[in-house]
Every structure is written in structure tokens, then in C-alpha cells.
Amino acid sequence: MAWLILIVGGMFEVGFTTALRFVEGFRNLPWTIAFLASVTISMACLEYAARTIPMGTAYAVWGGIGAVGTVLVGIALFDEPAGLVRVLLIFTIVAAIAGLKLVA
């Protein structure tokens, strides 16, 4: 269950980094609320998961999910570059996350 909660937390990290793009100095209220809600849920999930999963592993997986997800959102929605090297590096992060799960 802790791993599922950690994955959900990582997805909410993608949510808060995406919302952060639109907060406009925290003057855009709907996006600011989305950012604050996502940060709160994401951190709560990380805290809960870290009760069972070693903190270093939990943080690395949570951050990796957030990083990979944010890059993918940037590519899909904001026309950020998706060059071969960038995609290979994303796969490297995913492989490292899977490796941490296997040794945890």
C-alpha cells in the first residue's frame, strides 16, 4: 500500500509543478489553489509512504516520478523538446526508480 501511495504522491508532484507554471506570482487564484492542494497531497503521500519505505528510497522514487512526469507533461502540452538523448535520459530515470523498488 505504501508504494501505491508513493506513486500517487509522485503524480501530485507533477500536478504541482504543472500548476506552478500558471500561478503568476500567486496572483492567479485557481492555479494557486491547485498548486497548494497538489503540494499538500503530494507531501502527505510522501510522509505516509516513508513510514514504511526507507526515506532515501521513498524520496528518490517520489522525485523521480515527479521529474519524469513533469518532463512528459512539458513535451506533451508545452512543446518542450523531445530529442533522443532527452528521452534516453528519461528512460534511465525510470530504470533507476524500478531498480530502487526491486532492492527495497
N, C-alpha and C. Protein backbone atom coordinates (compact mmCIF):
# COMPACT_ATOMS: atom_id res chain seq x y z
N MET A 1 0.82 -1.20 0.00
CA MET A 1 0.00 0.00 0.00
C MET A 1 0.86 1.26 0.00
N ALA A 2 1.98 1.22 0.72
CA ALA A 2 2.85 2.40 0.79
C ALA A 2 3.39 2.76 -0.60
N TRP A 3 3.69 1.74 -1.41
CA TRP A 3 4.20 2.02 -2.76
C TRP A 3 3.14 2.69 -3.61
N LEU A 4 1.90 2.26 -3.49
CA LEU A 4 0.81 2.88 -4.25
C LEU A 4 0.62 4.34 -3.83
N ILE A 5 0.64 4.58 -2.53
CA ILE A 5 0.52 5.95 -2.01
C ILE A 5 1.69 6.80 -2.51
N LEU A 6 2.87 6.23 -2.55
CA LEU A 6 4.05 6.97 -3.03
C LEU A 6 3.89 7.34 -4.50
N ILE A 7 3.38 6.42 -5.30
CA ILE A 7 3.15 6.71 -6.72
C ILE A 7 2.12 7.82 -6.88
N VAL A 8 1.06 7.77 -6.11
CA VAL A 8 0.05 8.83 -6.15
C VAL A 8 0.69 10.17 -5.77
N GLY A 9 1.52 10.15 -4.74
CA GLY A 9 2.22 11.38 -4.34
C GLY A 9 3.10 11.93 -5.45
N GLY A 10 3.78 11.04 -6.15
CA GLY A 10 4.61 11.47 -7.28
C GLY A 10 3.78 12.10 -8.38
N MET A 11 2.58 11.56 -8.61
CA MET A 11 1.70 12.14 -9.62
C MET A 11 1.22 13.53 -9.21
N PHE A 12 0.93 13.69 -7.93
CA PHE A 12 0.55 15.02 -7.45
C PHE A 12 1.73 15.99 -7.52
N GLU A 13 2.95 15.47 -7.45
CA GLU A 13 4.12 16.34 -7.66
C GLU A 13 4.09 16.88 -9.08
N VAL A 14 3.76 16.05 -10.04
CA VAL A 14 3.60 16.51 -11.42
C VAL A 14 2.52 17.59 -11.48
N GLY A 15 1.45 17.38 -10.72
CA GLY A 15 0.38 18.38 -10.67
C GLY A 15 0.84 19.71 -10.13
N PHE A 16 1.63 19.70 -9.06
CA PHE A 16 2.04 20.99 -8.51
C PHE A 16 3.09 21.68 -9.36
N THR A 17 3.95 20.92 -10.02
CA THR A 17 4.92 21.58 -10.90
C THR A 17 4.24 22.15 -12.13
N THR A 18 3.21 21.46 -12.60
CA THR A 18 2.46 21.98 -13.75
C THR A 18 1.68 23.22 -13.35
N ALA A 19 1.01 23.18 -12.21
CA ALA A 19 0.25 24.33 -11.73
C ALA A 19 1.17 25.52 -11.48
N LEU A 20 2.38 25.25 -11.02
CA LEU A 20 3.33 26.32 -10.73
C LEU A 20 3.61 27.17 -11.96
N ARG A 21 3.52 26.56 -13.12
CA ARG A 21 3.74 27.29 -14.37
C ARG A 21 2.72 28.42 -14.57
N PHE A 22 1.55 28.29 -13.96
CA PHE A 22 0.45 29.22 -14.21
C PHE A 22 0.07 30.11 -13.02
N VAL A 23 0.77 30.02 -11.90
CA VAL A 23 0.33 30.79 -10.72
C VAL A 23 0.57 32.29 -10.84
N GLU A 24 1.46 32.68 -11.72
CA GLU A 24 1.73 34.11 -11.98
C GLU A 24 1.98 34.88 -10.69
N GLY A 25 3.01 34.47 -9.97
CA GLY A 25 3.35 35.14 -8.71
C GLY A 25 2.28 34.96 -7.65
N PHE A 26 1.56 33.87 -7.73
CA PHE A 26 0.47 33.53 -6.81
C PHE A 26 -0.69 34.53 -6.90
N ARG A 27 -0.82 35.20 -8.05
CA ARG A 27 -1.94 36.12 -8.29
C ARG A 27 -3.09 35.43 -9.02
N ASN A 28 -2.82 34.31 -9.67
CA ASN A 28 -3.86 33.55 -10.37
C ASN A 28 -4.46 32.56 -9.36
N LEU A 29 -5.58 32.93 -8.77
CA LEU A 29 -6.12 32.18 -7.62
C LEU A 29 -6.45 30.72 -7.94
N PRO A 30 -7.14 30.40 -9.03
CA PRO A 30 -7.44 28.97 -9.26
C PRO A 30 -6.18 28.11 -9.38
N TRP A 31 -5.17 28.60 -10.09
CA TRP A 31 -3.94 27.83 -10.23
C TRP A 31 -3.14 27.79 -8.92
N THR A 32 -3.23 28.86 -8.15
CA THR A 32 -2.56 28.87 -6.85
C THR A 32 -3.19 27.84 -5.92
N ILE A 33 -4.53 27.75 -5.95
CA ILE A 33 -5.22 26.76 -5.13
C ILE A 33 -4.85 25.35 -5.59
N ALA A 34 -4.80 25.14 -6.90
CA ALA A 34 -4.41 23.83 -7.44
C ALA A 34 -2.99 23.48 -7.01
N PHE A 35 -2.09 24.47 -7.07
CA PHE A 35 -0.71 24.26 -6.65
C PHE A 35 -0.65 23.87 -5.17
N LEU A 36 -1.30 24.64 -4.31
CA LEU A 36 -1.25 24.38 -2.87
C LEU A 36 -1.89 23.04 -2.51
N ALA A 37 -3.00 22.70 -3.15
CA ALA A 37 -3.65 21.41 -2.88
C ALA A 37 -2.74 20.26 -3.33
N SER A 38 -2.14 20.40 -4.51
CA SER A 38 -1.26 19.34 -5.03
C SER A 38 -0.02 19.17 -4.16
N VAL A 39 0.58 20.26 -3.73
CA VAL A 39 1.75 20.19 -2.85
C VAL A 39 1.38 19.49 -1.55
N THR A 40 0.26 19.87 -0.99
CA THR A 40 -0.16 19.28 0.29
C THR A 40 -0.39 17.78 0.16
N ILE A 41 -1.11 17.37 -0.87
CA ILE A 41 -1.39 15.95 -1.07
C ILE A 41 -0.09 15.19 -1.36
N SER A 42 0.75 15.75 -2.21
CA SER A 42 2.00 15.10 -2.58
C SER A 42 2.89 14.88 -1.37
N MET A 43 3.06 15.90 -0.56
CA MET A 43 3.90 15.78 0.63
C MET A 43 3.30 14.83 1.65
N ALA A 44 1.99 14.85 1.79
CA ALA A 44 1.33 13.94 2.73
C ALA A 44 1.54 12.49 2.29
N CYS A 45 1.45 12.25 1.00
CA CYS A 45 1.68 10.90 0.48
C CYS A 45 3.13 10.45 0.72
N LEU A 46 4.07 11.36 0.48
CA LEU A 46 5.48 11.04 0.72
C LEU A 46 5.71 10.73 2.19
N GLU A 47 5.14 11.53 3.06
CA GLU A 47 5.31 11.31 4.50
C GLU A 47 4.74 9.97 4.91
N TYR A 48 3.55 9.64 4.41
CA TYR A 48 2.91 8.37 4.75
C TYR A 48 3.75 7.19 4.24
N ALA A 49 4.18 7.26 3.00
CA ALA A 49 4.96 6.16 2.41
C ALA A 49 6.28 5.97 3.14
N ALA A 50 6.88 7.07 3.59
CA ALA A 50 8.18 6.99 4.25
C ALA A 50 8.10 6.36 5.64
N ARG A 51 6.90 6.12 6.13
CA ARG A 51 6.76 5.38 7.39
C ARG A 51 7.14 3.92 7.20
N THR A 52 6.99 3.41 5.97
CA THR A 52 7.25 2.01 5.66
C THR A 52 8.47 1.84 4.77
N ILE A 53 8.56 2.66 3.75
CA ILE A 53 9.66 2.60 2.78
C ILE A 53 10.81 3.44 3.33
N PRO A 54 12.06 2.99 3.21
CA PRO A 54 13.18 3.83 3.67
C PRO A 54 13.11 5.23 3.04
N MET A 55 13.37 6.25 3.85
CA MET A 55 13.19 7.64 3.42
C MET A 55 13.95 7.96 2.14
N GLY A 56 15.21 7.54 2.05
CA GLY A 56 16.00 7.84 0.85
C GLY A 56 15.39 7.22 -0.40
N THR A 57 14.92 6.00 -0.27
CA THR A 57 14.28 5.32 -1.40
C THR A 57 12.97 6.00 -1.75
N ALA A 58 12.16 6.29 -0.74
CA ALA A 58 10.87 6.95 -0.98
C ALA A 58 11.06 8.29 -1.66
N TYR A 59 12.01 9.07 -1.19
CA TYR A 59 12.24 10.39 -1.77
C TYR A 59 12.75 10.28 -3.20
N ALA A 60 13.65 9.35 -3.46
CA ALA A 60 14.18 9.18 -4.81
C ALA A 60 13.08 8.75 -5.78
N VAL A 61 12.24 7.83 -5.37
CA VAL A 61 11.15 7.38 -6.24
C VAL A 61 10.15 8.50 -6.45
N TRP A 62 9.75 9.18 -5.39
CA TRP A 62 8.80 10.30 -5.46
C TRP A 62 9.35 11.39 -6.39
N GLY A 63 10.59 11.76 -6.18
CA GLY A 63 11.20 12.79 -7.01
C GLY A 63 11.36 12.34 -8.45
N GLY A 64 11.70 11.08 -8.64
CA GLY A 64 11.85 10.55 -10.00
C GLY A 64 10.53 10.54 -10.76
N ILE A 65 9.47 10.12 -10.08
CA ILE A 65 8.15 10.14 -10.71
C ILE A 65 7.78 11.58 -11.08
N GLY A 66 8.03 12.49 -10.16
CA GLY A 66 7.73 13.89 -10.43
C GLY A 66 8.55 14.45 -11.58
N ALA A 67 9.82 14.12 -11.62
CA ALA A 67 10.69 14.63 -12.67
C ALA A 67 10.30 14.07 -14.04
N VAL A 68 10.13 12.77 -14.10
CA VAL A 68 9.76 12.14 -15.38
C VAL A 68 8.38 12.64 -15.83
N GLY A 69 7.44 12.66 -14.91
CA GLY A 69 6.10 13.13 -15.25
C GLY A 69 6.08 14.57 -15.71
N THR A 70 6.86 15.42 -15.05
CA THR A 70 6.90 16.83 -15.43
C THR A 70 7.53 17.00 -16.81
N VAL A 71 8.57 16.24 -17.09
CA VAL A 71 9.18 16.30 -18.43
C VAL A 71 8.17 15.84 -19.48
N LEU A 72 7.46 14.77 -19.21
CA LEU A 72 6.47 14.26 -20.17
C LEU A 72 5.33 15.26 -20.40
N VAL A 73 4.87 15.91 -19.33
CA VAL A 73 3.84 16.94 -19.47
C VAL A 73 4.38 18.10 -20.31
N GLY A 74 5.62 18.49 -20.05
CA GLY A 74 6.23 19.56 -20.83
C GLY A 74 6.31 19.23 -22.31
N ILE A 75 6.67 18.00 -22.61
CA ILE A 75 6.75 17.56 -24.00
C ILE A 75 5.36 17.52 -24.63
N ALA A 76 4.40 16.93 -23.91
CA ALA A 76 3.06 16.72 -24.46
C ALA A 76 2.24 18.00 -24.57
N LEU A 77 2.36 18.87 -23.57
CA LEU A 77 1.47 20.03 -23.52
C LEU A 77 2.12 21.38 -23.83
N PHE A 78 3.43 21.47 -23.66
CA PHE A 78 4.07 22.78 -23.78
C PHE A 78 5.15 22.82 -24.86
N ASP A 79 5.13 21.86 -25.75
CA ASP A 79 6.05 21.83 -26.89
C ASP A 79 7.52 21.91 -26.49
N GLU A 80 7.86 21.31 -25.36
CA GLU A 80 9.26 21.24 -24.97
C GLU A 80 9.95 20.18 -25.82
N PRO A 81 11.25 20.30 -26.04
CA PRO A 81 11.94 19.37 -26.95
C PRO A 81 11.92 17.92 -26.43
N ALA A 82 11.86 16.99 -27.38
CA ALA A 82 11.85 15.56 -27.05
C ALA A 82 12.93 14.85 -27.85
N GLY A 83 14.14 15.37 -27.77
CA GLY A 83 15.24 14.77 -28.51
C GLY A 83 15.60 13.39 -28.00
N LEU A 84 16.34 12.67 -28.80
CA LEU A 84 16.72 11.30 -28.48
C LEU A 84 17.44 11.20 -27.14
N VAL A 85 18.41 12.05 -26.92
CA VAL A 85 19.19 11.99 -25.67
C VAL A 85 18.28 12.27 -24.48
N ARG A 86 17.39 13.24 -24.61
CA ARG A 86 16.48 13.56 -23.52
C ARG A 86 15.58 12.36 -23.18
N VAL A 87 15.05 11.72 -24.20
CA VAL A 87 14.19 10.56 -23.99
C VAL A 87 14.98 9.41 -23.37
N LEU A 88 16.19 9.19 -23.82
CA LEU A 88 17.03 8.13 -23.23
C LEU A 88 17.32 8.41 -21.76
N LEU A 89 17.54 9.66 -21.43
CA LEU A 89 17.79 10.00 -20.03
C LEU A 89 16.55 9.80 -19.18
N ILE A 90 15.37 10.08 -19.74
CA ILE A 90 14.13 9.81 -19.02
C ILE A 90 14.01 8.32 -18.73
N PHE A 91 14.31 7.49 -19.74
CA PHE A 91 14.27 6.04 -19.53
C PHE A 91 15.28 5.60 -18.48
N THR A 92 16.41 6.29 -18.38
CA THR A 92 17.40 5.98 -17.36
C THR A 92 16.84 6.25 -15.96
N ILE A 93 16.12 7.35 -15.82
CA ILE A 93 15.49 7.66 -14.53
C ILE A 93 14.46 6.60 -14.18
N VAL A 94 13.64 6.21 -15.16
CA VAL A 94 12.63 5.18 -14.92
C VAL A 94 13.29 3.86 -14.50
N ALA A 95 14.38 3.50 -15.17
CA ALA A 95 15.09 2.27 -14.81
C ALA A 95 15.64 2.36 -13.39
N ALA A 96 16.17 3.51 -13.01
CA ALA A 96 16.68 3.68 -11.65
C ALA A 96 15.56 3.56 -10.61
N ILE A 97 14.40 4.13 -10.91
CA ILE A 97 13.26 4.02 -10.00
C ILE A 97 12.86 2.55 -9.85
N ALA A 98 12.78 1.84 -10.97
CA ALA A 98 12.42 0.41 -10.92
C ALA A 98 13.47 -0.36 -10.12
N GLY A 99 14.73 -0.02 -10.30
CA GLY A 99 15.80 -0.67 -9.54
C GLY A 99 15.67 -0.44 -8.05
N LEU A 100 15.32 0.77 -7.64
CA LEU A 100 15.13 1.05 -6.22
C LEU A 100 13.97 0.23 -5.65
N LYS A 101 12.92 0.09 -6.44
CA LYS A 101 11.77 -0.72 -5.99
C LYS A 101 12.21 -2.18 -5.81
N LEU A 102 13.03 -2.67 -6.71
CA LEU A 102 13.46 -4.06 -6.64
C LEU A 102 14.37 -4.35 -5.44
N VAL A 103 15.19 -3.39 -5.04
CA VAL A 103 16.11 -3.63 -3.93
C VAL A 103 15.55 -3.19 -2.59
N ALA A 104 14.41 -2.51 -2.59
CA ALA A 104 13.84 -2.01 -1.32
C ALA A 104 13.22 -3.13 -0.53
